[in-house]
Amino acid sequence: GQTGSGKTFSMQGTKQDPGIYYRTLDELFKVITDRGSEWSYQLSASLLEIYCDEIRDLLAPKVEGKAPKKLQIRQTAQGISVKDLIDTPVSSPEEVAAVLER
């Protein structure tokens, strides 16, 4: 979408008026809690950007003077993945929020 059209606000919102990310995460963790011991979950978060046909890992540490590693999308029998993408375990909406705010 066009610059300044409100995409970031719609997705992130504010503390007083959470956006789509945070409302969805709250609902996801509510469902996990409601199901109790019936199910077992392991959640993780990754954050990537595709810009000008390049994939960047937004959680990768920045190294001064060194270009970020170029990542590639791969399709295997298990599905689609991005090789070497950082995957951070999370267990609450607050932990996901911390990953998004890095």
C-alpha atoms as a PDB file:
ATOM      1  CA  GLY A   1       0.000   0.000   0.000  1.00  0.00           C
ATOM      2  CA  GLN A   2       0.871   3.620  -0.367  1.00  0.00           C
ATOM      3  CA  THR A   3       3.213   5.280   2.143  1.00  0.00           C
ATOM      4  CA  GLY A   4       1.228   6.886   4.956  1.00  0.00           C
ATOM      5  CA  SER A   5      -1.948   4.899   4.302  1.00  0.00           C
ATOM      6  CA  GLY A   6      -2.024   3.358   7.804  1.00  0.00           C
ATOM      7  CA  LYS A   7      -0.733  -0.175   7.235  1.00  0.00           C
ATOM      8  CA  THR A   8       1.529  -0.178  10.291  1.00  0.00           C
ATOM      9  CA  PHE A   9      -1.141   1.367  12.504  1.00  0.00           C
ATOM     10  CA  SER A  10      -3.709  -1.227  11.373  1.00  0.00           C
ATOM     11  CA  MET A  11      -1.338  -4.094  12.139  1.00  0.00           C
ATOM     12  CA  GLN A  12       0.285  -2.784  15.350  1.00  0.00           C
ATOM     13  CA  GLY A  13      -2.134  -0.217  16.762  1.00  0.00           C
ATOM     14  CA  THR A  14      -1.394   1.347  20.142  1.00  0.00           C
ATOM     15  CA  LYS A  15      -1.480   0.118  23.749  1.00  0.00           C
ATOM     16  CA  GLN A  16      -4.946   1.662  24.130  1.00  0.00           C
ATOM     17  CA  ASP A  17      -6.198   0.411  20.745  1.00  0.00           C
ATOM     18  CA  PRO A  18      -4.298  -2.768  19.770  1.00  0.00           C
ATOM     19  CA  GLY A  19      -3.991  -3.614  16.096  1.00  0.00           C
ATOM     20  CA  ILE A  20      -4.565  -6.861  14.243  1.00  0.00           C
ATOM     21  CA  TYR A  21      -1.282  -8.473  15.433  1.00  0.00           C
ATOM     22  CA  TYR A  22      -1.997  -8.074  19.115  1.00  0.00           C
ATOM     23  CA  ARG A  23      -5.711  -8.910  19.010  1.00  0.00           C
ATOM     24  CA  THR A  24      -4.950 -12.081  17.049  1.00  0.00           C
ATOM     25  CA  LEU A  25      -2.151 -13.085  19.436  1.00  0.00           C
ATOM     26  CA  ASP A  26      -4.391 -12.503  22.476  1.00  0.00           C
ATOM     27  CA  GLU A  27      -7.039 -14.749  20.928  1.00  0.00           C
ATOM     28  CA  LEU A  28      -4.485 -17.438  20.003  1.00  0.00           C
ATOM     29  CA  PHE A  29      -3.086 -17.629  23.540  1.00  0.00           C
ATOM     30  CA  LYS A  30      -6.634 -17.572  24.990  1.00  0.00           C
ATOM     31  CA  VAL A  31      -7.508 -20.649  22.906  1.00  0.00           C
ATOM     32  CA  ILE A  32      -4.305 -22.378  24.053  1.00  0.00           C
ATOM     33  CA  THR A  33      -5.162 -21.625  27.691  1.00  0.00           C
ATOM     34  CA  ASP A  34      -8.794 -22.720  27.260  1.00  0.00           C
ATOM     35  CA  ARG A  35      -7.753 -26.084  25.822  1.00  0.00           C
ATOM     36  CA  GLY A  36      -5.586 -26.732  28.880  1.00  0.00           C
ATOM     37  CA  SER A  37      -3.901 -30.112  28.914  1.00  0.00           C
ATOM     38  CA  GLU A  38      -5.937 -31.504  25.989  1.00  0.00           C
ATOM     39  CA  TRP A  39      -3.313 -30.216  23.566  1.00  0.00           C
ATOM     40  CA  SER A  40       0.402 -29.490  23.601  1.00  0.00           C
ATOM     41  CA  TYR A  41       1.757 -26.447  21.772  1.00  0.00           C
ATOM     42  CA  GLN A  42       5.198 -25.187  20.799  1.00  0.00           C
ATOM     43  CA  LEU A  43       5.156 -21.708  19.306  1.00  0.00           C
ATOM     44  CA  SER A  44       7.948 -19.695  17.793  1.00  0.00           C
ATOM     45  CA  ALA A  45       8.234 -16.336  16.068  1.00  0.00           C
ATOM     46  CA  SER A  46      10.243 -15.184  13.071  1.00  0.00           C
ATOM     47  CA  LEU A  47      10.223 -11.823  11.396  1.00  0.00           C
ATOM     48  CA  LEU A  48      11.238 -11.315   7.787  1.00  0.00           C
ATOM     49  CA  GLU A  49      10.958  -8.625   5.171  1.00  0.00           C
ATOM     50  CA  ILE A  50      10.748  -9.056   1.430  1.00  0.00           C
ATOM     51  CA  TYR A  51      11.836  -5.871  -0.297  1.00  0.00           C
ATOM     52  CA  CYS A  52      13.073  -5.445  -3.862  1.00  0.00           C
ATOM     53  CA  ASP A  53      13.117  -9.235  -4.298  1.00  0.00           C
ATOM     54  CA  GLU A  54      15.456  -9.717  -1.324  1.00  0.00           C
ATOM     55  CA  ILE A  55      14.536 -11.544   1.881  1.00  0.00           C
ATOM     56  CA  ARG A  56      15.921 -10.128   5.134  1.00  0.00           C
ATOM     57  CA  ASP A  57      15.757 -11.632   8.598  1.00  0.00           C
ATOM     58  CA  LEU A  58      14.678  -8.735  10.811  1.00  0.00           C
ATOM     59  CA  LEU A  59      15.771 -10.629  13.954  1.00  0.00           C
ATOM     60  CA  ALA A  60      19.331 -11.227  12.744  1.00  0.00           C
ATOM     61  CA  PRO A  61      21.935  -9.188  14.617  1.00  0.00           C
ATOM     62  CA  LYS A  62      23.307  -6.294  12.592  1.00  0.00           C
ATOM     63  CA  VAL A  63      27.059  -6.407  12.083  1.00  0.00           C
ATOM     64  CA  GLU A  64      28.638  -3.055  11.270  1.00  0.00           C
ATOM     65  CA  GLY A  65      30.381  -3.037   7.920  1.00  0.00           C
ATOM     66  CA  LYS A  66      28.896  -6.372   6.879  1.00  0.00           C
ATOM     67  CA  ALA A  67      25.933  -6.858   4.542  1.00  0.00           C
ATOM     68  CA  PRO A  68      23.061  -8.924   5.939  1.00  0.00           C
ATOM     69  CA  LYS A  69      22.979 -12.547   4.835  1.00  0.00           C
ATOM     70  CA  LYS A  70      20.748 -13.125   1.809  1.00  0.00           C
ATOM     71  CA  LEU A  71      18.054 -15.668   2.522  1.00  0.00           C
ATOM     72  CA  GLN A  72      16.160 -17.904   0.123  1.00  0.00           C
ATOM     73  CA  ILE A  73      12.698 -19.412   0.174  1.00  0.00           C
ATOM     74  CA  ARG A  74      12.709 -23.178  -0.205  1.00  0.00           C
ATOM     75  CA  GLN A  75       9.867 -25.550  -0.992  1.00  0.00           C
ATOM     76  CA  THR A  76      10.213 -29.113   0.308  1.00  0.00           C
ATOM     77  CA  ALA A  77       7.886 -32.012   0.989  1.00  0.00           C
ATOM     78  CA  GLN A  78       7.321 -30.524   4.483  1.00  0.00           C
ATOM     79  CA  GLY A  79       6.232 -27.155   3.048  1.00  0.00           C
ATOM     80  CA  ILE A  80       7.705 -23.743   2.406  1.00  0.00           C
ATOM     81  CA  SER A  81      10.546 -22.444   4.574  1.00  0.00           C
ATOM     82  CA  VAL A  82      13.286 -19.842   4.665  1.00  0.00           C
ATOM     83  CA  LYS A  83      16.703 -21.399   5.295  1.00  0.00           C
ATOM     84  CA  ASP A  84      18.667 -19.815   8.182  1.00  0.00           C
ATOM     85  CA  LEU A  85      15.740 -17.657   9.357  1.00  0.00           C
ATOM     86  CA  ILE A  86      15.988 -17.029  13.114  1.00  0.00           C
ATOM     87  CA  ASP A  87      13.176 -18.792  14.978  1.00  0.00           C
ATOM     88  CA  THR A  88      12.529 -17.580  18.545  1.00  0.00           C
ATOM     89  CA  PRO A  89      10.456 -19.715  20.980  1.00  0.00           C
ATOM     90  CA  VAL A  90       7.541 -17.779  22.534  1.00  0.00           C
ATOM     91  CA  SER A  91       4.991 -18.707  25.196  1.00  0.00           C
ATOM     92  CA  SER A  92       2.895 -15.562  25.716  1.00  0.00           C
ATOM     93  CA  PRO A  93       1.561 -12.539  23.835  1.00  0.00           C
ATOM     94  CA  GLU A  94       4.118 -10.416  25.702  1.00  0.00           C
ATOM     95  CA  GLU A  95       7.006 -12.532  24.389  1.00  0.00           C
ATOM     96  CA  VAL A  96       5.692 -12.217  20.839  1.00  0.00           C
ATOM     97  CA  ALA A  97       5.324  -8.442  21.335  1.00  0.00           C
ATOM     98  CA  ALA A  98       8.955  -8.289  22.480  1.00  0.00           C
ATOM     99  CA  VAL A  99      10.028 -10.076  19.274  1.00  0.00           C
ATOM    100  CA  LEU A 100       7.969  -7.687  17.126  1.00  0.00           C
ATOM    101  CA  GLU A 101       9.449  -4.650  18.868  1.00  0.00           C
ATOM    102  CA  ARG A 102      13.113  -5.599  18.304  1.00  0.00           C
END
